[in-house]
N, C-alpha and C. Protein backbone atom coordinates (compact mmCIF):
# COMPACT_ATOMS: atom_id res chain seq x y z
N MET A 1 -27.64 -187.93 83.49
CA MET A 1 -27.52 -188.77 84.55
C MET A 1 -26.17 -188.01 85.10
N MET A 2 -25.34 -187.08 84.69
CA MET A 2 -24.50 -187.09 85.90
C MET A 2 -25.32 -186.76 87.03
N MET A 3 -26.39 -185.76 86.94
CA MET A 3 -26.83 -185.62 88.45
C MET A 3 -27.65 -187.16 89.25
N ALA A 4 -27.89 -188.09 88.89
CA ALA A 4 -28.80 -188.78 88.94
C ALA A 4 -27.24 -190.06 89.46
N LEU A 5 -26.37 -189.86 89.15
CA LEU A 5 -25.55 -190.88 89.89
C LEU A 5 -25.42 -189.80 91.36
N ILE A 6 -24.75 -188.35 91.14
CA ILE A 6 -24.56 -188.15 92.23
C ILE A 6 -25.13 -188.35 93.30
N PHE A 7 -27.13 -187.92 92.69
CA PHE A 7 -28.00 -188.49 94.28
C PHE A 7 -27.82 -189.99 95.02
N HIS A 8 -27.67 -190.75 93.50
CA HIS A 8 -27.90 -192.28 93.89
C HIS A 8 -26.16 -192.32 94.82
N TYR A 9 -25.40 -192.24 94.37
CA TYR A 9 -23.87 -192.47 95.81
C TYR A 9 -23.56 -191.46 96.84
N LEU A 10 -25.44 -190.37 97.01
CA LEU A 10 -25.23 -189.55 97.34
C LEU A 10 -26.37 -190.28 98.84
N GLU A 11 -27.26 -190.61 97.95
CA GLU A 11 -28.70 -191.12 99.04
C GLU A 11 -28.18 -192.74 99.57
N GLN A 12 -26.87 -193.73 98.99
CA GLN A 12 -26.00 -194.26 100.14
C GLN A 12 -25.20 -193.75 101.55
N GLY A 13 -24.82 -192.69 101.46
CA GLY A 13 -24.00 -191.50 101.62
C GLY A 13 -22.42 -192.26 101.44
N LYS A 14 -22.20 -192.88 100.09
CA LYS A 14 -20.89 -192.12 99.34
C LYS A 14 -20.87 -191.50 98.96
N ASN A 15 -18.96 -191.40 98.82
CA ASN A 15 -18.54 -189.99 98.20
C ASN A 15 -18.65 -189.82 96.86
N SER A 16 -18.44 -188.67 96.30
CA SER A 16 -18.00 -188.58 94.91
C SER A 16 -17.39 -187.06 94.51
N VAL A 17 -17.00 -187.28 93.45
CA VAL A 17 -16.03 -186.16 92.80
C VAL A 17 -16.43 -185.61 91.42
N VAL A 18 -16.33 -184.30 91.28
CA VAL A 18 -16.81 -184.01 89.36
C VAL A 18 -16.01 -183.46 89.53
N TYR A 19 -15.07 -183.68 87.97
CA TYR A 19 -13.65 -182.69 87.98
C TYR A 19 -13.80 -182.42 86.28
N GLN A 20 -13.76 -181.45 86.76
CA GLN A 20 -13.47 -179.93 85.67
C GLN A 20 -12.23 -179.39 84.86
N ASN A 21 -12.13 -178.99 84.19
CA ASN A 21 -11.09 -178.67 84.17
C ASN A 21 -11.02 -176.73 82.85
N ARG A 22 -12.37 -175.97 83.60
CA ARG A 22 -12.34 -174.66 83.43
C ARG A 22 -13.06 -173.87 84.58
N ARG A 23 -12.49 -173.50 84.98
CA ARG A 23 -13.05 -171.64 86.26
C ARG A 23 -14.73 -171.79 85.77
N ALA A 24 -15.40 -171.20 84.47
CA ALA A 24 -16.55 -171.48 84.54
C ALA A 24 -17.20 -172.57 84.29
N LEU A 25 -17.20 -174.04 84.45
CA LEU A 25 -17.79 -174.75 84.35
C LEU A 25 -17.56 -175.29 85.95
N VAL A 26 -16.49 -174.73 86.52
CA VAL A 26 -16.46 -174.77 88.50
C VAL A 26 -18.00 -174.00 88.66
N ASP A 27 -17.86 -172.96 88.14
CA ASP A 27 -19.00 -172.45 88.19
C ASP A 27 -20.01 -172.34 88.42
N GLN A 28 -20.21 -173.03 86.99
CA GLN A 28 -22.30 -173.28 86.73
C GLN A 28 -22.35 -174.41 87.46
N PHE A 29 -21.16 -175.02 87.62
CA PHE A 29 -21.89 -176.33 88.72
C PHE A 29 -22.25 -176.19 90.07
N THR A 30 -21.42 -175.16 90.24
CA THR A 30 -21.68 -174.89 91.79
C THR A 30 -23.17 -174.50 92.18
N GLN A 31 -23.42 -173.39 90.19
CA GLN A 31 -24.81 -173.18 90.13
C GLN A 31 -25.95 -174.53 90.31
N VAL A 32 -25.91 -175.23 89.69
CA VAL A 32 -26.60 -176.02 89.03
C VAL A 32 -27.25 -177.12 90.45
N PHE A 33 -26.10 -177.16 91.44
CA PHE A 33 -25.66 -178.47 92.93
C PHE A 33 -26.48 -177.26 93.75
N GLU A 34 -26.82 -175.76 93.67
CA GLU A 34 -27.49 -175.29 94.80
C GLU A 34 -28.86 -175.03 94.44
N ALA A 35 -28.69 -175.49 92.79
CA ALA A 35 -29.99 -175.09 92.51
C ALA A 35 -30.60 -176.52 92.84
N ASN A 36 -30.03 -177.73 93.30
CA ASN A 36 -30.70 -178.92 93.11
C ASN A 36 -30.75 -179.24 94.51
N GLY A 37 -30.38 -178.41 95.19
CA GLY A 37 -30.22 -179.08 96.39
C GLY A 37 -29.10 -179.53 97.14
N ILE A 38 -27.97 -180.00 96.52
CA ILE A 38 -26.91 -180.64 96.44
C ILE A 38 -25.66 -180.68 97.66
N PRO A 39 -25.33 -180.66 98.77
CA PRO A 39 -24.53 -179.97 99.73
C PRO A 39 -22.98 -180.88 98.78
N PHE A 40 -22.02 -179.94 98.86
CA PHE A 40 -21.35 -179.71 98.25
C PHE A 40 -19.88 -178.89 98.37
N GLY A 41 -18.81 -179.76 98.22
CA GLY A 41 -17.95 -178.29 98.20
C GLY A 41 -17.05 -178.07 97.81
N VAL A 42 -16.48 -177.62 96.97
CA VAL A 42 -15.48 -177.45 95.60
C VAL A 42 -13.65 -177.15 96.15
N ARG A 43 -13.01 -177.82 95.62
CA ARG A 43 -11.93 -178.17 95.75
C ARG A 43 -11.42 -177.23 94.28
N SER A 44 -10.76 -176.22 94.50
CA SER A 44 -10.55 -174.91 93.31
C SER A 44 -10.02 -173.77 94.20
N SER A 45 -9.16 -173.01 94.11
CA SER A 45 -8.56 -172.02 93.95
C SER A 45 -9.11 -170.88 94.14
N SER A 46 -9.98 -170.62 93.08
CA SER A 46 -10.56 -169.66 92.39
C SER A 46 -12.19 -169.49 93.20
N PHE A 47 -12.23 -170.42 94.08
CA PHE A 47 -14.01 -170.65 94.78
C PHE A 47 -13.66 -171.10 96.68
N LYS A 48 -12.73 -170.33 96.82
CA LYS A 48 -12.91 -170.61 98.38
C LYS A 48 -13.96 -170.19 99.35
N GLU A 49 -14.94 -169.75 98.54
CA GLU A 49 -16.26 -169.94 99.56
C GLU A 49 -16.83 -171.04 99.80
N HIS A 50 -16.23 -172.19 98.66
CA HIS A 50 -17.17 -172.94 98.83
C HIS A 50 -15.92 -174.17 98.82
N LEU A 51 -15.06 -173.66 99.91
CA LEU A 51 -13.92 -174.75 100.38
C LEU A 51 -14.82 -175.90 101.51
N ARG A 52 -15.95 -176.70 100.93
CA ARG A 52 -15.98 -177.25 102.40
C ARG A 52 -15.62 -178.83 102.44
N LEU A 53 -14.38 -179.44 102.78
CA LEU A 53 -13.79 -180.81 102.11
C LEU A 53 -13.90 -181.51 103.52
N LEU A 54 -15.69 -181.53 103.99
CA LEU A 54 -16.10 -182.79 104.76
C LEU A 54 -17.47 -183.24 104.02
N GLU A 55 -17.84 -182.24 102.74
CA GLU A 55 -19.08 -182.96 101.89
C GLU A 55 -18.25 -184.08 100.90
N ASN A 56 -19.96 -185.09 100.94
CA ASN A 56 -19.69 -186.08 100.02
C ASN A 56 -19.24 -185.61 99.21
N VAL A 57 -19.73 -184.42 98.33
CA VAL A 57 -19.35 -184.33 96.98
C VAL A 57 -18.37 -183.24 96.94
N GLN A 58 -17.94 -183.28 95.14
CA GLN A 58 -16.63 -182.45 95.51
C GLN A 58 -17.03 -181.98 94.22
N ILE A 59 -16.92 -180.90 93.92
CA ILE A 59 -16.62 -179.96 92.81
C ILE A 59 -14.62 -179.96 92.59
N SER A 60 -14.06 -180.46 91.76
CA SER A 60 -12.76 -179.99 91.61
C SER A 60 -12.05 -179.90 90.81
N SER A 61 -11.23 -178.56 90.43
CA SER A 61 -10.79 -177.80 89.60
C SER A 61 -9.46 -179.31 89.44
N MET A 62 -8.94 -179.75 87.62
CA MET A 62 -8.07 -180.96 87.54
C MET A 62 -6.65 -179.70 88.16
N GLN A 63 -6.05 -178.58 87.55
CA GLN A 63 -5.00 -177.92 88.54
C GLN A 63 -5.14 -178.04 90.12
N THR A 64 -6.20 -177.82 90.56
CA THR A 64 -5.79 -178.03 91.51
C THR A 64 -5.33 -178.43 92.34
N GLU A 65 -5.91 -179.69 92.03
CA GLU A 65 -5.50 -181.00 92.57
C GLU A 65 -3.69 -181.14 92.24
N ASN A 66 -4.16 -180.73 90.85
CA ASN A 66 -2.27 -181.60 90.61
C ASN A 66 -1.63 -180.28 91.68
N SER A 67 -2.07 -179.20 92.32
CA SER A 67 -1.04 -178.51 92.97
C SER A 67 -1.44 -178.54 94.19
N TRP A 68 -2.16 -178.90 94.38
CA TRP A 68 -2.28 -178.99 96.39
C TRP A 68 -2.05 -180.95 96.37
N VAL A 69 -2.77 -181.81 95.73
CA VAL A 69 -1.85 -182.82 96.10
C VAL A 69 -0.22 -183.79 95.94
N TYR A 70 0.00 -183.14 94.30
CA TYR A 70 1.31 -183.71 94.18
C TYR A 70 2.66 -182.32 94.10
N THR A 71 2.63 -180.69 93.97
CA THR A 71 2.97 -180.10 94.02
C THR A 71 3.11 -179.81 95.30
N GLN A 72 2.02 -178.99 96.20
CA GLN A 72 2.34 -178.30 97.31
C GLN A 72 2.47 -179.46 98.81
N LYS A 73 2.08 -180.88 98.29
CA LYS A 73 1.49 -182.24 98.85
C LYS A 73 1.12 -181.89 100.16
N LYS A 74 0.15 -181.10 100.32
CA LYS A 74 -0.69 -179.96 101.30
C LYS A 74 -2.03 -180.68 101.38
N SER A 75 -2.31 -181.62 100.67
CA SER A 75 -3.26 -182.23 100.34
C SER A 75 -3.81 -183.81 100.15
N SER A 76 -5.02 -184.67 99.89
CA SER A 76 -4.70 -185.44 99.26
C SER A 76 -5.97 -186.14 98.77
N LEU A 77 -5.96 -187.10 97.73
CA LEU A 77 -7.31 -186.79 96.66
C LEU A 77 -8.66 -186.52 97.64
N HIS A 78 -10.00 -185.68 97.28
CA HIS A 78 -10.87 -186.66 98.28
C HIS A 78 -11.03 -188.00 98.10
N ASP A 79 -11.48 -188.95 98.37
CA ASP A 79 -12.03 -190.85 98.94
C ASP A 79 -13.18 -190.90 98.05
N ALA A 80 -13.30 -190.57 97.27
CA ALA A 80 -14.48 -190.75 96.01
C ALA A 80 -15.02 -192.31 95.68
N GLN A 81 -16.02 -192.76 95.87
CA GLN A 81 -16.58 -193.82 95.64
C GLN A 81 -16.98 -193.63 94.31
N ILE A 82 -17.07 -192.84 93.25
CA ILE A 82 -17.37 -192.84 92.17
C ILE A 82 -16.68 -191.18 91.13
N VAL A 83 -16.03 -191.58 90.30
CA VAL A 83 -15.15 -190.16 89.49
C VAL A 83 -15.79 -189.35 88.89
N GLN A 84 -16.66 -188.58 88.28
CA GLN A 84 -16.73 -188.25 87.01
C GLN A 84 -16.22 -187.28 87.00
N ILE A 85 -15.61 -186.98 85.40
CA ILE A 85 -15.17 -186.40 84.46
C ILE A 85 -15.92 -185.78 83.70
N ASP A 86 -15.72 -184.50 83.65
CA ASP A 86 -17.12 -183.57 83.10
C ASP A 86 -16.10 -183.37 81.52
N GLU A 87 -16.83 -182.95 80.18
CA GLU A 87 -15.67 -182.66 79.17
C GLU A 87 -14.51 -183.90 79.36
N SER A 88 -14.62 -184.74 79.13
CA SER A 88 -13.34 -186.10 79.34
C SER A 88 -12.82 -185.83 78.40
N HIS A 89 -12.54 -185.14 77.66
CA HIS A 89 -12.28 -184.97 75.90
C HIS A 89 -10.72 -184.24 76.09
N GLN A 90 -11.27 -183.50 77.43
CA GLN A 90 -10.17 -182.80 77.79
C GLN A 90 -8.86 -183.32 79.02
N ALA A 91 -9.44 -184.20 79.04
CA ALA A 91 -8.50 -185.05 80.55
C ALA A 91 -7.23 -185.71 79.74
N LYS A 92 -7.25 -185.93 78.84
CA LYS A 92 -5.93 -187.23 78.15
C LYS A 92 -4.39 -186.73 78.56
N ARG A 93 -4.53 -185.49 79.31
CA ARG A 93 -2.91 -185.36 79.78
C ARG A 93 -2.27 -186.06 80.50
N GLU A 94 -0.92 -185.86 80.76
CA GLU A 94 -0.72 -186.93 82.02
C GLU A 94 -0.99 -186.12 83.11
N LEU A 95 -1.60 -185.84 83.61
CA LEU A 95 -2.46 -184.29 84.79
C LEU A 95 -3.10 -185.16 84.99
N ALA A 96 -3.86 -185.01 83.88
CA ALA A 96 -5.60 -185.90 84.19
C ALA A 96 -5.28 -187.21 84.81
N GLN A 97 -4.56 -187.87 83.65
CA GLN A 97 -4.22 -189.51 84.08
C GLN A 97 -3.90 -189.88 85.13
N LYS A 98 -2.95 -188.85 85.99
CA LYS A 98 -2.03 -189.60 87.20
C LYS A 98 -3.28 -189.73 87.97
N ILE A 99 -4.08 -188.17 88.19
CA ILE A 99 -5.27 -188.27 89.00
C ILE A 99 -6.29 -189.44 88.78
N LEU A 100 -6.88 -188.97 87.87
CA LEU A 100 -7.80 -190.29 87.52
C LEU A 100 -7.03 -191.08 87.69
N ASN A 101 -6.07 -192.18 87.35
CA ASN A 101 -4.71 -193.52 88.24
C ASN A 101 -4.97 -192.83 89.33
N ASP A 102 -4.84 -192.29 90.42
CA ASP A 102 -4.64 -192.73 91.69
C ASP A 102 -5.82 -193.03 92.12
N HIS A 103 -7.19 -192.53 91.50
CA HIS A 103 -8.88 -193.17 92.34
C HIS A 103 -8.91 -194.01 92.38
N ASP A 104 -8.67 -194.96 93.01
CA ASP A 104 -9.74 -196.43 93.31
C ASP A 104 -10.88 -196.88 92.70
N CYS A 105 -11.41 -196.57 91.72
CA CYS A 105 -12.65 -196.23 92.03
C CYS A 105 -13.46 -196.61 90.69
N PRO A 106 -14.91 -197.43 89.95
CA PRO A 106 -15.88 -196.23 89.40
C PRO A 106 -15.42 -195.01 87.73
N LYS A 107 -15.21 -194.58 87.18
CA LYS A 107 -14.65 -193.96 86.79
C LYS A 107 -15.67 -193.84 85.24
N VAL A 108 -16.80 -192.43 85.36
CA VAL A 108 -17.41 -192.63 84.50
C VAL A 108 -16.92 -190.45 83.54
N GLY A 109 -16.67 -190.71 82.30
CA GLY A 109 -16.35 -189.78 81.36
C GLY A 109 -16.94 -189.38 80.73
N TRP A 110 -17.96 -187.94 80.91
CA TRP A 110 -18.61 -187.29 79.97
C TRP A 110 -18.15 -186.38 78.68
N THR A 111 -18.28 -186.14 77.43
CA THR A 111 -18.74 -185.63 76.95
C THR A 111 -19.00 -185.68 75.35
N ALA A 112 -19.00 -184.56 74.20
CA ALA A 112 -20.34 -184.43 73.44
C ALA A 112 -19.02 -184.62 72.07
N THR A 113 -17.72 -185.04 72.50
CA THR A 113 -16.03 -185.33 71.71
C THR A 113 -16.35 -186.38 72.07
N PRO A 114 -16.47 -187.20 72.05
CA PRO A 114 -15.74 -188.77 72.26
C PRO A 114 -14.48 -189.33 71.17
N LEU A 115 -13.41 -188.63 71.46
CA LEU A 115 -12.21 -188.62 70.41
C LEU A 115 -10.64 -189.05 71.34
N GLU A 116 -10.19 -190.22 70.80
CA GLU A 116 -8.88 -190.00 71.87
C GLU A 116 -8.97 -190.58 73.48
N ILE A 117 -10.45 -191.26 73.49
CA ILE A 117 -10.28 -190.82 75.05
C ILE A 117 -10.35 -193.48 75.44
N ASP A 118 -10.57 -193.60 74.24
CA ASP A 118 -10.52 -195.06 74.41
C ASP A 118 -9.40 -195.88 75.44
N HIS A 119 -8.51 -194.99 75.81
CA HIS A 119 -7.66 -195.88 76.03
C HIS A 119 -8.24 -195.77 78.08
N MET A 120 -9.05 -194.23 78.14
CA MET A 120 -9.84 -194.05 79.07
C MET A 120 -10.14 -195.13 80.31
N TYR A 121 -11.32 -195.61 78.78
CA TYR A 121 -12.88 -195.77 79.73
C TYR A 121 -12.43 -197.69 79.15
N ASP A 122 -13.33 -198.20 79.66
CA ASP A 122 -13.19 -199.98 79.59
C ASP A 122 -14.36 -199.98 78.55
N LYS A 123 -15.68 -199.16 78.63
CA LYS A 123 -16.75 -199.14 77.57
C LYS A 123 -17.41 -196.96 76.63
N LEU A 124 -17.90 -197.58 75.87
CA LEU A 124 -18.23 -196.09 74.89
C LEU A 124 -19.98 -196.56 75.09
N ILE A 125 -20.70 -195.63 75.52
CA ILE A 125 -21.91 -196.19 75.85
C ILE A 125 -21.91 -194.36 75.74
N VAL A 126 -23.25 -194.24 73.90
CA VAL A 126 -23.18 -193.33 73.63
C VAL A 126 -24.87 -193.52 73.75
N ALA A 127 -25.09 -191.93 74.30
CA ALA A 127 -26.73 -191.66 75.37
C ALA A 127 -27.91 -191.37 74.59
N GLY A 128 -27.15 -190.63 73.00
CA GLY A 128 -28.23 -190.12 72.14
C GLY A 128 -27.07 -189.23 70.60
N THR A 129 -27.85 -189.38 69.48
CA THR A 129 -27.11 -188.47 68.60
C THR A 129 -27.16 -187.20 68.98
N LYS A 130 -26.07 -186.60 68.31
CA LYS A 130 -26.26 -184.60 68.42
C LYS A 130 -27.63 -184.36 68.39
N LYS A 131 -28.58 -184.62 66.89
CA LYS A 131 -29.84 -184.16 66.68
C LYS A 131 -30.77 -184.75 68.21
N GLU A 132 -30.76 -186.07 68.85
CA GLU A 132 -31.68 -186.13 70.13
C GLU A 132 -30.58 -184.89 70.92
N LEU A 133 -29.61 -185.36 71.42
CA LEU A 133 -29.17 -184.62 72.52
C LEU A 133 -29.58 -183.14 72.29
N ARG A 134 -29.73 -182.49 71.34
CA ARG A 134 -30.41 -180.91 70.59
C ARG A 134 -31.42 -180.83 71.18
N GLU A 135 -32.31 -181.77 70.64
CA GLU A 135 -34.26 -181.92 71.03
C GLU A 135 -34.37 -181.77 72.36
N CYS A 136 -33.22 -182.53 73.08
CA CYS A 136 -33.61 -182.94 75.05
C CYS A 136 -33.13 -181.51 75.21
N GLY A 137 -32.67 -180.55 74.94
CA GLY A 137 -31.45 -179.55 75.39
C GLY A 137 -30.45 -180.00 75.52
N ALA A 138 -29.24 -180.55 75.61
CA ALA A 138 -27.83 -181.48 76.71
C ALA A 138 -27.22 -180.92 75.78
N LEU A 139 -27.39 -180.44 74.98
CA LEU A 139 -26.48 -179.55 73.24
C LEU A 139 -27.17 -178.33 72.55
N LEU A 140 -26.48 -177.93 73.02
CA LEU A 140 -26.28 -176.65 71.98
C LEU A 140 -26.41 -176.78 70.15
N PRO A 141 -27.48 -176.12 69.51
CA PRO A 141 -27.59 -175.84 68.59
C PRO A 141 -26.19 -174.58 67.58
N ALA A 142 -25.16 -175.36 67.01
CA ALA A 142 -24.28 -174.46 66.72
C ALA A 142 -24.40 -173.80 65.12
N ASP A 143 -23.88 -171.80 65.60
CA ASP A 143 -23.71 -171.58 63.88
C ASP A 143 -22.36 -171.07 63.59
N VAL A 144 -22.65 -171.61 62.29
CA VAL A 144 -20.68 -171.51 62.14
C VAL A 144 -20.63 -170.45 61.29
N PHE A 145 -19.92 -169.73 61.32
CA PHE A 145 -19.58 -168.48 60.51
C PHE A 145 -18.19 -168.64 59.62
N THR A 146 -17.57 -168.55 58.24
CA THR A 146 -16.21 -168.71 58.12
C THR A 146 -16.08 -167.92 57.15
N GLY A 147 -14.81 -167.60 56.97
CA GLY A 147 -14.14 -166.53 55.25
C GLY A 147 -14.64 -167.50 54.38
N PRO A 148 -13.79 -166.87 53.75
CA PRO A 148 -13.61 -167.36 52.30
C PRO A 148 -12.76 -168.05 51.91
N GLU A 149 -13.54 -168.98 51.25
CA GLU A 149 -12.41 -170.45 50.91
C GLU A 149 -11.59 -169.93 50.15
N VAL A 150 -9.85 -170.37 51.09
CA VAL A 150 -8.81 -170.37 49.79
C VAL A 150 -8.44 -170.75 48.76
N ASN A 151 -8.05 -170.63 48.11
CA ASN A 151 -7.84 -171.07 46.78
C ASN A 151 -6.31 -172.12 46.83
N THR A 152 -6.58 -172.74 47.27
CA THR A 152 -4.33 -173.78 47.43
C THR A 152 -3.83 -174.09 45.63
N SER A 153 -5.08 -174.47 45.14
CA SER A 153 -4.91 -175.04 43.43
C SER A 153 -3.27 -174.66 43.25
N LYS A 154 -2.46 -173.30 42.99
CA LYS A 154 -1.59 -173.19 42.98
C LYS A 154 -0.22 -173.31 43.15
N LEU A 155 -0.35 -173.56 45.53
CA LEU A 155 0.32 -174.50 46.16
C LEU A 155 1.18 -174.91 45.34
N LYS A 156 2.76 -175.31 46.42
CA LYS A 156 3.14 -177.15 45.63
C LYS A 156 3.14 -177.32 48.09
N HIS A 157 3.24 -179.11 47.62
CA HIS A 157 3.77 -179.44 48.74
C HIS A 157 5.09 -179.61 49.73
N GLN A 158 5.06 -179.48 50.20
CA GLN A 158 6.42 -179.52 50.69
C GLN A 158 6.91 -181.40 51.23
N GLY A 159 7.47 -181.72 51.38
CA GLY A 159 7.61 -183.11 52.11
C GLY A 159 7.53 -183.73 52.31
N ASN A 160 6.42 -182.75 53.45
CA ASN A 160 6.05 -183.49 54.66
C ASN A 160 4.41 -183.15 54.68
N GLY A 161 3.93 -182.70 53.18
CA GLY A 161 2.69 -182.90 52.72
C GLY A 161 1.72 -181.38 53.49
N GLU A 162 2.37 -180.21 53.77
CA GLU A 162 2.13 -179.14 54.19
C GLU A 162 1.72 -177.97 53.33
N PHE A 163 2.10 -177.35 53.06
CA PHE A 163 2.36 -176.24 52.12
C PHE A 163 3.58 -174.61 53.15
N SER A 164 3.83 -174.31 52.41
CA SER A 164 5.08 -173.64 53.32
C SER A 164 4.25 -172.05 53.79
N PRO A 165 4.81 -172.53 54.71
CA PRO A 165 3.86 -171.20 55.38
C PRO A 165 4.78 -169.21 54.73
N GLN A 166 5.39 -169.54 54.09
CA GLN A 166 5.73 -168.39 53.23
C GLN A 166 4.53 -167.50 52.18
N ASP A 167 4.51 -169.55 51.63
CA ASP A 167 3.36 -169.91 50.64
C ASP A 167 2.35 -169.21 50.31
N ILE A 168 1.58 -169.42 51.73
CA ILE A 168 0.24 -169.71 52.65
C ILE A 168 0.48 -168.38 52.67
N GLN A 169 1.84 -166.96 53.39
CA GLN A 169 1.39 -165.61 53.27
C GLN A 169 1.29 -165.00 52.10
N LYS A 170 1.95 -165.33 51.12
CA LYS A 170 1.79 -164.74 49.91
C LYS A 170 0.16 -164.52 49.57
N LEU A 171 -1.16 -165.65 49.97
CA LEU A 171 -2.22 -165.65 49.59
C LEU A 171 -2.72 -164.66 50.06
N TYR A 172 -2.33 -164.53 51.73
CA TYR A 172 -3.51 -163.04 51.95
C TYR A 172 -2.96 -162.12 52.07
N THR A 173 -1.04 -162.24 51.58
CA THR A 173 -1.33 -160.94 51.72
C THR A 173 -0.97 -160.39 50.00
N SER A 174 -0.60 -160.39 49.05
CA SER A 174 -1.28 -160.76 47.78
C SER A 174 -2.84 -159.81 47.17
N ARG A 175 -3.12 -158.58 46.45
CA ARG A 175 -4.34 -158.46 46.18
C ARG A 175 -4.62 -158.75 44.66
């Protein structure tokens, strides 16, 4: 769906930007864009070989945008007609909110973890259940491994409802 929006805006000669919060995701997107023949630039200090600011489509690091636009004041935000935020549940911080608020265009957030983001968007669209997303390859199945369950029945709660760090430590150090 994200790629469909990029192609739609690109066909109209309009600018778009995809914001990422991690270097690995910027790298992943550069590979996907190259594989799909999308001309793009990357606004990230870690990807200088892809710095092409005149391309309609930009992959942008939130951290680099903050540095270039707000701290160093050596650049302005990409003049996008649509902003897409990958892993948007991680864009709740003040830095990300400033960047997004300074774009005067539609914003689309993508996440499989739609927690505490209701203030960021006008609508939440559920593209599918987790099962449906795994079946179509959009999400990977997860194998979860845990340690043994700790018996906390003999611990007393403090005034704030938590166990004391000292009592917790005794659980793990006593034999």
